[in-house]
Each structure stands twice: as C-alpha cells, then as structure tokens.
Amino acid sequence: MLRDELDLRRKTEIHEVEERKNSQISMLMQRHEEAFTDIRNYYNEITLNNLALISSLKERIERMRKREELLEKEVTEASTQNRRLADPLQEARDEMSEMQKQLGGYERDKQILLCTKARLKVTEKELKSLRWEHEVLEQRFTKVQQERDELYRKFTAAVLEVQQKVGFQNLVLERKVQALAAVVEKKEVQFNEVLAASSLDPAALTLVSRKLEDVLESKNSTIKDLQYELARVCKAHNDLLRTYEAKLLAFGVPLDNVGFKPLETAVIGQMLGQGPAGLVGTPA
C-alpha cells in the first residue's frame, strides 16, 4: 500500500516536472521566434536603407558627372572668353592706372576741400557767434537808450519840480525878507518920531533905546536866518543841476538844449560856494 502511494506521488511529481519543462520550452521557443523576427526585420531595414543609399549615391554621381561636364564646358567657354578679353583687359588696366593717377589728384583735392569745409564751419561758427554778440549788444544798446531816455525824463521832471519848489521858496523868502525890512524901517521911523515928539529923561531914553536895539537885533537875526535859508535852497538847486548835467554828459546827451540855469541869491554880498548845500555859510 505504501509502495503504491509512493509510486503515485512519484508519477505526479514527474508529470509536474514535465509540464514545467514543456512550458519553459514553449516560452523559450516563443522568445527565440521573437528575437529571430526582430533580427530579420533589423537586417531587412538595413538592407533597404543601403539599397536606398546606393540608389541615392548613384543619382548623385550622375548629377555630379553632368555638372562636371557642364563645368568643363563653362571652363572651355571661359578660357575662350579670357583669350578674347585679354586685349580689353590690358586696356582696362592701363585705364585703371591712369584713373589711379587721377585718383591721387582727387584725394589731394578732397583733402583740400575737407580743410576748406572745416575752415568754413569755423568761420560760420564765428560769424554766428558775432551775430549773436551783435544782437546782444543791440539789445543792450536799446535797453541803455531806454534807460537813458527814462533817466532823462525823470531828471527833467525832478529838476522842473525842484525848480518850481525852489522858485516858490525863493519868492516866499524874498517876500518875507522884504516885509521884515519894511517893518524894521517903519518901526525905526516911528521910533524916531516918538523920540522927537517926547521929552523923556536920558535914563528912560537909554532904556527905550536898549529895548529897541534888542528888538532890532532879533529882527536882524531873523532876516539873516531867512537869507541863509534862501542861499541854501539856491545851492541845493544848483547842486542838483550840476549832477543832472554830469549824468547827461555820461549818457552822451548834449547840454545845448537843457533849458535850466543856476540860481543866484538875491542877497547883497551873498556868494554860493562849491560844497554841499548843507555847508552853505551863514551870513556875517
């Protein structure tokens, strides 16, 4: 009984081994068949590529042969053309030599022209600068003329105004001096008449005389002050007139038609100096 079981197990194991062997054999045959197919396809592709390359090379060789024949024909024609153009070529070379000589002269003329253009540019630049300076100077000249005219107008107006004021002040001062002189003269006459008509004692007469002298001295001092003020105003007018004339001369304006004259003091013995108006001496 045990022997049968062992025999059955052995047969079963042998059968399994044979099945595995057959499976491996079948798998190996399939792999070999696939590898053979791949190799056959690979070599078939290489063969086809080589046949195509051979055909392409044959066509290329044929084209190159035809091109070589064409080039040989062109070379023959070019040689014939060169032989035919030898004389014109020599003539062209001679002409080129002559033109090169002329080109040397042209280059010199070109350099001279460039130098002349450069000097012309510098001259044009200088001319432009001079024109600009001329325009600037004209504008400055016009501005200076306008300033001169404006200054002349202002000076004229100022001098007229000062002259009017000084004339009015002189008239007022002169009238005051004349009025004071008339009053003093009238008072002296009245005083003399009173003295002649009265019979005062010497002491009273002396006292009255002294008071009268004090009054006369006060009036004389007032007259001198007015004379000094008159002289000072005349001096200020004359100083302004000299400054005005100096400015006109500085601006090139002639003094022929100025129309203003220095003022002279109406006080007898009063002289106007050359110093500032504030330095006019008081009358002695």
Protein backbone atom coordinates (compact mmCIF):
# COMPACT_ATOMS: atom_id res chain seq x y z
CA MET A 1 0.00 0.00 0.00
CA LEU A 2 2.76 2.45 0.85
CA ARG A 3 4.56 1.50 -2.25
CA ASP A 4 1.60 2.38 -4.41
CA GLU A 5 1.31 5.75 -2.77
CA LEU A 6 4.98 6.49 -3.32
CA ASP A 7 4.70 5.33 -6.92
CA LEU A 8 1.66 7.56 -7.43
CA ARG A 9 3.45 10.55 -5.85
CA ARG A 10 6.50 9.97 -7.99
CA LYS A 11 4.39 9.84 -11.15
CA THR A 12 2.61 13.02 -10.11
CA GLU A 13 5.89 14.85 -9.49
CA ILE A 14 7.29 13.58 -12.82
CA HIS A 15 4.20 14.82 -14.57
CA GLU A 16 4.52 18.26 -12.94
CA VAL A 17 8.19 18.45 -13.88
CA GLU A 18 7.36 17.54 -17.49
CA GLU A 19 4.65 20.19 -17.61
CA ARG A 20 7.05 22.85 -16.28
CA LYS A 21 9.69 21.71 -18.77
CA ASN A 22 7.24 21.86 -21.65
CA SER A 23 6.11 25.34 -20.52
CA GLN A 24 9.69 26.59 -20.39
CA ILE A 25 10.46 25.02 -23.79
CA SER A 26 7.39 26.72 -25.29
CA MET A 27 8.36 30.08 -23.72
CA LEU A 28 11.97 29.78 -24.97
CA MET A 29 10.76 28.90 -28.48
CA GLN A 30 8.47 31.95 -28.45
CA ARG A 31 11.29 34.22 -27.29
CA HIS A 32 13.62 32.78 -29.91
CA GLU A 33 10.99 33.32 -32.57
CA GLU A 34 10.52 36.97 -31.47
CA ALA A 35 14.29 37.55 -31.41
CA PHE A 36 14.63 35.97 -34.85
CA THR A 37 11.83 38.18 -36.17
CA ASP A 38 13.48 41.30 -34.69
CA ILE A 39 16.86 40.40 -36.19
CA ARG A 40 15.30 39.64 -39.55
CA ASN A 41 13.41 42.96 -39.53
CA TYR A 42 16.56 44.84 -38.44
CA TYR A 43 18.65 43.39 -41.26
CA ASN A 44 15.83 43.86 -43.75
CA GLU A 45 15.68 47.56 -42.73
CA ILE A 46 19.47 47.91 -43.04
CA THR A 47 19.32 46.25 -46.45
CA LEU A 48 16.53 48.57 -47.61
CA ASN A 49 18.42 51.63 -46.27
CA ASN A 50 21.59 50.53 -48.01
CA LEU A 51 19.71 49.96 -51.27
CA ALA A 52 18.14 53.45 -50.96
CA LEU A 53 21.56 54.96 -50.15
CA ILE A 54 23.12 53.17 -53.12
CA SER A 55 20.37 54.45 -55.38
CA SER A 56 20.77 57.99 -53.97
CA LEU A 57 24.55 57.86 -54.42
CA LYS A 58 24.13 56.65 -57.98
CA GLU A 59 21.81 59.59 -58.71
CA ARG A 60 24.23 61.99 -57.00
CA ILE A 61 27.16 60.59 -59.02
CA GLU A 62 25.13 61.05 -62.18
CA ARG A 63 24.33 64.65 -61.26
CA MET A 64 27.96 65.31 -60.39
CA ARG A 65 29.05 63.81 -63.72
CA LYS A 66 26.63 66.04 -65.58
CA ARG A 67 27.76 69.03 -63.52
CA GLU A 68 31.39 68.19 -64.24
CA GLU A 69 30.61 68.09 -67.96
CA LEU A 70 28.81 71.39 -67.66
CA LEU A 71 31.73 72.90 -65.70
CA GLU A 72 34.21 71.64 -68.28
CA LYS A 73 32.09 73.27 -70.97
CA GLU A 74 31.94 76.50 -68.96
CA VAL A 75 35.70 76.37 -68.37
CA THR A 76 36.26 75.98 -72.09
CA GLU A 77 33.96 78.89 -72.79
CA ALA A 78 35.62 80.95 -70.01
CA SER A 79 39.07 80.21 -71.48
CA THR A 80 37.84 81.31 -74.89
CA GLN A 81 36.29 84.41 -73.29
CA ASN A 82 39.51 85.16 -71.39
CA ARG A 83 41.55 84.93 -74.56
CA ARG A 84 39.04 87.20 -76.26
CA LEU A 85 39.09 89.70 -73.35
CA ALA A 86 42.87 89.80 -72.90
CA ASP A 87 43.29 92.94 -75.02
CA PRO A 88 40.33 94.79 -73.42
CA LEU A 89 41.69 93.72 -70.03
CA GLN A 90 45.05 95.27 -70.79
CA GLU A 91 43.32 98.41 -71.99
CA ALA A 92 41.23 98.42 -68.79
CA ARG A 93 44.41 98.01 -66.70
CA ASP A 94 46.04 100.91 -68.50
CA GLU A 95 42.91 102.98 -67.99
CA MET A 96 42.80 101.95 -64.32
CA SER A 97 46.44 103.06 -63.91
CA GLU A 98 45.56 106.43 -65.40
CA MET A 99 42.48 106.69 -63.20
CA GLN A 100 44.58 105.84 -60.13
CA LYS A 101 46.84 108.76 -61.00
CA GLN A 102 43.77 110.94 -61.33
CA LEU A 103 42.50 109.48 -58.04
CA GLY A 104 45.69 110.69 -56.33
CA GLY A 105 44.93 114.21 -57.53
CA TYR A 106 41.30 113.75 -56.49
CA GLU A 107 42.37 112.68 -53.00
CA ARG A 108 44.51 115.80 -52.68
CA ASP A 109 41.62 117.94 -53.89
CA LYS A 110 39.34 116.08 -51.47
CA GLN A 111 41.65 116.81 -48.54
CA ILE A 112 41.85 120.47 -49.58
CA LEU A 113 38.04 120.53 -49.81
CA LEU A 114 37.70 118.96 -46.35
CA CYS A 115 40.12 121.52 -44.89
CA THR A 116 38.22 124.31 -46.63
CA LYS A 117 34.89 122.97 -45.28
CA ALA A 118 36.36 122.75 -41.79
CA ARG A 119 37.60 126.36 -42.00
CA LEU A 120 34.19 127.35 -43.40
CA LYS A 121 32.45 125.71 -40.45
CA VAL A 122 34.76 127.52 -38.02
CA THR A 123 34.13 130.79 -39.87
CA GLU A 124 30.36 130.19 -39.87
CA LYS A 125 30.51 129.41 -36.16
CA GLU A 126 32.48 132.60 -35.51
CA LEU A 127 30.04 134.53 -37.71
CA LYS A 128 27.12 133.08 -35.79
CA SER A 129 28.80 133.98 -32.51
CA LEU A 130 29.49 137.51 -33.77
CA ARG A 131 25.88 137.86 -34.92
CA TRP A 132 24.68 136.69 -31.53
CA GLU A 133 27.03 139.14 -29.80
CA HIS A 134 25.82 141.85 -32.18
CA GLU A 135 22.19 141.10 -31.31
CA VAL A 136 23.05 141.08 -27.61
CA LEU A 137 24.88 144.39 -27.96
CA GLU A 138 21.96 145.86 -29.92
CA GLN A 139 19.55 144.72 -27.21
CA ARG A 140 21.82 146.16 -24.53
CA PHE A 141 22.20 149.37 -26.54
CA THR A 142 18.42 149.62 -26.92
CA LYS A 143 18.00 148.96 -23.21
CA VAL A 144 20.64 151.57 -22.33
CA GLN A 145 18.95 154.08 -24.66
CA GLN A 146 15.61 153.37 -22.99
CA GLU A 147 17.21 153.73 -19.55
CA ARG A 148 18.91 156.95 -20.69
CA ASP A 149 15.62 158.33 -22.02
CA GLU A 150 13.81 157.28 -18.85
CA LEU A 151 16.56 158.80 -16.71
CA TYR A 152 16.47 161.98 -18.80
CA ARG A 153 12.71 162.15 -18.35
CA LYS A 154 12.97 161.55 -14.59
CA PHE A 155 15.78 164.10 -14.22
CA THR A 156 13.85 166.63 -16.26
CA ALA A 157 10.73 166.08 -14.17
CA ALA A 158 12.76 166.21 -10.94
CA VAL A 159 14.60 169.37 -11.95
CA LEU A 160 11.36 171.05 -13.02
CA GLU A 161 9.74 170.06 -9.75
CA VAL A 162 12.74 171.22 -7.72
CA GLN A 163 12.96 174.42 -9.74
CA GLN A 164 9.31 175.12 -9.14
CA LYS A 165 9.66 174.40 -5.43
CA VAL A 166 12.88 176.45 -5.18
CA GLY A 167 11.35 179.32 -7.13
CA PHE A 168 8.34 179.31 -4.87
CA GLN A 169 10.50 179.11 -1.75
CA ASN A 170 12.75 181.90 -3.04
CA LEU A 171 9.70 184.06 -3.73
CA VAL A 172 8.31 183.38 -0.26
CA LEU A 173 11.66 184.03 1.43
CA GLU A 174 12.29 187.18 -0.57
CA ARG A 175 8.83 188.48 0.30
CA LYS A 176 9.44 187.66 3.98
CA VAL A 177 12.78 189.49 3.90
CA GLN A 178 11.23 192.46 2.14
CA ALA A 179 8.31 192.52 4.60
CA LEU A 180 10.65 192.32 7.60
CA ALA A 181 12.87 195.03 6.16
CA ALA A 182 9.81 197.23 5.58
CA VAL A 183 8.59 196.57 9.11
CA VAL A 184 12.01 197.41 10.58
CA GLU A 185 12.25 200.56 8.54
CA LYS A 186 8.73 201.57 9.55
CA LYS A 187 9.47 200.86 13.21
CA GLU A 188 12.64 202.93 13.09
CA VAL A 189 10.75 205.88 11.55
CA GLN A 190 8.01 205.59 14.17
CA PHE A 191 10.56 205.31 16.91
CA ASN A 192 12.42 208.39 15.72
CA GLU A 193 9.15 210.31 15.50
CA VAL A 194 8.24 209.23 19.03
CA LEU A 195 11.65 210.26 20.34
CA ALA A 196 11.39 213.60 18.60
CA ALA A 197 7.88 214.24 19.94
CA SER A 198 8.53 213.11 23.54
CA SER A 199 10.58 214.81 26.14
CA LEU A 200 11.98 211.78 28.03
CA ASP A 201 14.73 211.96 30.53
CA PRO A 202 18.09 210.50 29.48
CA ALA A 203 17.70 207.35 31.69
CA ALA A 204 14.33 206.44 30.18
CA LEU A 205 15.60 207.27 26.72
CA THR A 206 18.56 204.93 27.27
CA LEU A 207 16.23 202.12 28.44
CA VAL A 208 13.94 202.56 25.45
CA SER A 209 16.91 202.67 23.09
CA ARG A 210 18.26 199.45 24.56
CA LYS A 211 14.93 197.66 24.16
CA LEU A 212 14.70 198.92 20.62
CA GLU A 213 18.19 197.64 19.86
CA ASP A 214 17.20 194.23 21.26
CA VAL A 215 14.15 194.14 19.01
CA LEU A 216 16.19 195.25 16.01
CA GLU A 217 18.86 192.63 16.76
CA SER A 218 16.16 189.93 16.94
CA LYS A 219 14.67 191.07 13.63
CA ASN A 220 18.12 191.24 12.03
CA SER A 221 18.83 187.69 13.23
CA THR A 222 15.55 186.53 11.68
CA ILE A 223 16.44 188.27 8.42
CA LYS A 224 19.88 186.62 8.41
CA ASP A 225 18.30 183.21 9.04
CA LEU A 226 15.94 183.73 6.12
CA GLN A 227 18.83 184.87 3.93
CA TYR A 228 20.78 181.74 4.90
CA GLU A 229 17.79 179.51 4.09
CA LEU A 230 17.44 181.26 0.72
CA ALA A 231 21.13 180.69 -0.05
CA ARG A 232 20.89 177.01 0.99
CA VAL A 233 17.89 176.36 -1.26
CA CYS A 234 19.65 178.04 -4.22
CA LYS A 235 22.74 175.95 -3.54
CA ALA A 236 20.71 172.69 -3.45
CA HIS A 237 19.10 173.64 -6.75
CA ASN A 238 22.50 174.34 -8.35
CA ASP A 239 23.98 171.06 -6.99
CA LEU A 240 21.10 169.07 -8.45
CA LEU A 241 21.52 170.87 -11.78
CA ARG A 242 25.26 170.02 -11.90
CA THR A 243 24.52 166.35 -11.11
CA TYR A 244 21.88 166.31 -13.81
CA GLU A 245 24.28 167.80 -16.37
CA ALA A 246 27.02 165.28 -15.41
CA LYS A 247 24.57 162.38 -15.94
CA LEU A 248 23.53 163.77 -19.31
CA LEU A 249 27.18 164.04 -20.40
CA ALA A 250 27.83 160.47 -19.20
CA PHE A 251 24.97 159.23 -21.41
CA GLY A 252 26.13 161.28 -24.38
CA VAL A 253 23.33 163.85 -24.28
CA PRO A 254 24.43 167.39 -25.28
CA LEU A 255 23.80 170.26 -22.87
CA ASP A 256 22.74 172.75 -25.56
CA ASN A 257 19.00 172.39 -25.02
CA VAL A 258 18.89 171.66 -21.31
CA GLY A 259 16.91 174.82 -20.55
CA PHE A 260 17.94 175.15 -16.86
CA LYS A 261 20.22 177.81 -15.39
CA PRO A 262 21.87 178.09 -11.95
CA LEU A 263 20.07 180.28 -9.42
CA GLU A 264 21.72 183.37 -7.96
CA THR A 265 20.91 184.57 -4.47
CA ALA A 266 19.22 187.95 -4.27
CA VAL A 267 21.02 188.83 -1.02
CA ILE A 268 23.66 191.51 -1.42
CA GLY A 269 27.14 190.15 -0.70
CA GLN A 270 25.97 186.50 -0.51
CA MET A 271 28.19 184.08 -2.55
CA LEU A 272 27.39 180.39 -3.19
CA GLY A 273 30.31 178.00 -2.71
CA GLN A 274 31.07 174.64 -4.40
CA GLY A 275 30.47 172.42 -1.36
CA PRO A 276 27.26 170.53 -0.45
CA ALA A 277 24.10 172.53 0.17
CA GLY A 278 24.25 171.79 3.89
CA LEU A 279 27.64 173.53 4.12
CA VAL A 280 26.42 176.97 2.99
CA GLY A 281 27.98 179.54 5.33
CA THR A 282 25.72 181.70 7.48
CA PRO A 283 25.79 185.37 6.53
CA ALA A 284 28.09 187.50 8.64
